[in-house]
Protein backbone atom coordinates (compact mmCIF):
# COMPACT_ATOMS: atom_id res chain seq x y z
CA MET A 1 122.79 112.15 124.13
CA GLN A 2 121.00 110.38 121.32
CA LYS A 3 119.92 107.35 123.33
CA TYR A 4 116.23 107.64 122.45
CA PRO A 5 114.43 106.49 120.47
CA ASN A 6 116.06 103.09 120.20
CA PRO A 7 114.81 99.61 119.34
CA MET A 8 115.78 98.21 122.77
CA ASN A 9 113.42 100.48 124.70
CA PRO A 10 110.30 101.32 122.67
CA GLY A 11 108.57 102.45 125.89
CA VAL A 12 110.22 105.86 125.59
CA VAL A 13 107.90 107.65 123.18
CA GLY A 14 109.21 111.21 123.45
CA VAL A 15 112.21 113.22 124.63
CA ASP A 16 112.41 116.98 125.15
CA VAL A 17 115.62 118.77 126.11
CA LEU A 18 114.72 121.33 128.77
CA ASN A 19 118.24 122.65 129.35
CA ARG A 20 121.72 121.81 128.12
CA HIS A 21 125.01 123.57 128.73
CA VAL A 22 128.74 123.00 129.04
CA ASP A 23 130.50 124.38 132.13
CA THR A 24 133.99 125.88 132.25
CA GLN A 25 135.46 122.43 133.04
CA GLY A 26 134.02 121.02 129.79
CA ARG A 27 131.28 118.96 131.48
CA LEU A 28 128.01 118.64 129.55
CA TYR A 29 124.91 119.08 131.70
CA SER A 30 121.52 118.04 130.34
CA ASN A 31 118.02 118.17 131.77
CA ARG A 32 115.44 116.25 129.74
CA LEU A 33 111.80 115.31 129.99
CA LEU A 34 111.02 111.76 128.86
CA SER A 35 107.54 110.60 127.94
CA THR A 36 107.17 106.87 128.50
CA GLU A 37 104.51 104.26 127.99
CA TRP A 38 104.59 101.76 130.84
CA GLY A 39 103.80 98.22 129.82
CA LEU A 40 102.15 97.34 133.11
CA PRO A 41 100.28 94.05 133.36
CA SER A 42 96.50 94.38 133.74
CA LEU A 43 96.68 93.03 137.30
CA ALA A 44 99.17 95.73 138.30
CA LYS A 45 96.98 98.43 136.72
CA THR A 46 93.99 97.13 138.66
CA LEU A 47 95.93 96.99 141.95
CA ILE A 48 97.30 100.48 141.47
CA GLY A 49 93.98 101.82 140.27
CA ILE A 50 95.15 103.51 137.09
CA THR A 51 94.14 103.23 133.48
CA ARG A 52 96.70 105.56 131.93
CA THR A 53 100.20 104.25 131.53
CA ASN A 54 101.76 107.30 129.88
CA THR A 55 104.17 108.79 132.42
CA TYR A 56 106.78 111.51 132.53
CA ILE A 57 110.30 111.26 133.85
CA GLN A 58 112.73 114.07 134.56
CA GLU A 59 116.31 113.17 133.76
CA HIS A 60 119.50 115.03 134.74
CA SER A 61 122.83 113.94 133.30
CA VAL A 62 126.47 115.01 133.41
CA VAL A 63 129.09 113.90 130.91
CA ASP A 64 132.65 114.59 132.04
CA PRO A 65 135.04 113.99 129.13
CA LYS A 66 138.15 114.57 131.25
CA GLU A 67 137.21 111.97 133.87
CA LYS A 68 135.44 109.86 131.20
CA THR A 69 132.32 109.56 133.37
CA PHE A 70 128.62 109.76 132.66
CA GLU A 71 126.14 110.21 135.51
CA LEU A 72 122.41 110.07 135.02
CA GLN A 73 119.68 110.63 137.60
CA SER A 74 116.02 110.20 136.82
CA THR A 75 112.77 110.44 138.73
CA ASN A 76 109.16 110.08 137.73
CA ILE A 77 107.12 113.28 137.87
CA SER A 78 103.74 111.74 137.16
CA CYS A 79 101.82 109.18 139.23
CA THR A 80 103.89 110.31 142.23
CA ASN A 81 100.92 109.84 144.55
CA ILE A 82 101.08 106.12 143.73
CA VAL A 83 104.70 105.33 142.98
CA SER A 84 108.06 107.06 143.06
CA VAL A 85 111.10 105.78 141.26
CA ASP A 86 114.47 107.46 141.68
CA GLU A 87 117.26 105.95 139.65
CA LYS A 88 120.96 106.76 139.34
CA LEU A 89 123.34 105.35 136.75
CA THR A 90 127.07 105.96 136.68
CA TYR A 91 129.39 104.92 133.85
CA ARG A 92 133.12 105.17 134.53
CA PRO A 93 136.30 103.55 133.25
CA HIS A 94 137.43 100.35 134.91
CA PRO A 95 140.38 101.29 137.18
CA GLU A 96 142.55 98.39 135.95
CA ASP A 97 141.43 98.19 132.31
CA PRO A 98 140.52 101.56 130.76
CA LYS A 99 139.07 99.78 127.72
CA LYS A 100 136.28 98.49 129.98
CA THR A 101 133.44 100.45 131.55
CA ILE A 102 131.86 99.97 134.96
CA LEU A 103 128.14 100.66 135.20
CA THR A 104 126.70 101.26 138.67
CA GLN A 105 122.93 101.34 138.98
CA GLU A 106 120.91 102.36 142.02
CA ALA A 107 117.13 102.58 142.25
CA LEU A 108 114.81 103.57 145.05
CA ILE A 109 111.23 102.43 144.48
CA SER A 110 108.29 103.25 146.70
CA VAL A 111 104.70 102.19 146.06
CA LYS A 112 102.28 104.15 148.23
CA GLY A 113 98.91 103.35 149.76
CA ILE A 114 98.31 100.08 147.95
CA SER A 115 97.95 96.59 149.31
CA LEU A 116 100.68 94.28 148.05
CA SER A 117 102.98 97.31 147.68
CA SER A 118 106.07 95.23 148.52
CA TYR A 119 105.10 92.81 145.73
CA LEU A 120 104.75 95.70 143.27
CA GLU A 121 108.02 97.26 144.44
CA GLY A 122 109.74 93.91 143.81
CA LEU A 123 108.12 93.64 140.38
CA MET A 124 109.31 97.14 139.49
CA ALA A 125 112.82 96.40 140.79
CA LYS A 126 113.00 93.34 138.51
CA THR A 127 111.82 95.45 135.58
CA ILE A 128 114.41 98.15 136.27
CA SER A 129 117.13 95.52 136.57
CA ALA A 130 116.09 93.95 133.26
CA ASN A 131 116.00 97.39 131.66
CA ALA A 132 119.61 98.01 132.76
CA GLY A 133 120.66 95.38 130.24
CA LYS A 134 118.54 97.08 127.61
CA GLY A 135 120.16 100.38 128.55
CA ARG A 136 123.63 98.96 127.94
CA GLU A 137 122.47 97.56 124.60
CA ALA A 138 120.97 100.94 123.74
CA MET A 139 124.23 102.76 124.53
CA GLU A 140 126.13 100.30 122.32
CA TRP A 141 123.51 100.83 119.59
CA VAL A 142 123.98 104.62 119.82
CA ILE A 143 127.77 104.26 119.63
CA ARG A 144 127.51 101.98 116.57
CA ARG A 145 125.08 104.43 114.94
CA LEU A 146 127.38 107.40 115.63
CA ASN A 147 130.40 105.50 114.30
CA THR A 148 128.47 104.69 111.12
CA GLU A 149 127.49 108.35 110.71
CA ILE A 150 131.12 109.42 111.20
CA GLU A 151 132.31 106.90 108.59
CA GLU A 152 129.64 108.09 106.13
CA LEU A 153 130.56 111.75 106.71
CA ALA A 154 134.26 110.97 106.25
CA ALA A 155 133.54 109.09 103.00
CA THR A 156 131.39 111.96 101.72
CA ALA A 157 134.07 114.50 102.65
CA GLN A 158 136.77 112.47 100.88
CA ALA A 159 134.61 112.15 97.75
CA THR A 160 133.90 115.88 97.79
CA ILE A 161 137.61 116.68 98.02
CA ARG A 162 138.55 114.24 95.22
CA ILE A 163 136.12 115.73 92.68
CA PRO A 164 137.66 119.26 92.63
CA MET A 165 141.17 117.79 92.72
CA ALA A 166 140.37 115.51 89.78
CA ALA A 167 139.00 118.49 87.85
CA ALA A 168 142.17 120.50 88.58
CA VAL A 169 144.38 117.64 87.37
CA ALA A 170 142.28 117.27 84.20
CA GLU A 171 142.72 120.99 83.39
CA LYS A 172 146.55 120.70 83.40
C-alpha cells in the first residue's frame, strides 16, 4: 500500500513495513508501524497531561484480490496508559453495483484516568470520523497516482520499442 505520505493526512510522518507476505490464496498481508503527529488542541494536551504528540500506531492489513476486499486494523502502541484507539476499516464491493465500494469503519476509543474523559472520547470520535473522509480521498489520490505512473511507464515502453523498430526500418 502506498497510502502514506499523502497531502490529505500530513499527520502521518513515517511508515515502516515490519512484515509483508502473500499467502497461498493470493492474499497480501502487511504489518506496518506508523509514526504520527497528533494535532491535539492545547486544552486537550493539558487535560491529558502530555507534551509530546508524536505517537506510534501498529497497522495490520489484508488485501484479498479474489474477493476484492481490503481490511485494515490499527491500534495505538504509545500513550496507551492515557488513551487507546482501536480502529477497523473494511472496503468491499457493493453487492448490487460492483463499480461501487462500501467502506465500513469501526472505532473503539477509551480515555483513561482523566476527568472529562467522555468529552475527550467524543472529540476523538469526531476526529476519526472526519479522518475517514480524508482516508477515502487519500485512497483515491493513491489510485490516481498509480494510474499516472502506469500511463507514464506504458508511454516510455512504447517509445523504447519504437526507436529500435524505426532503426530497423531505416536500415532496409
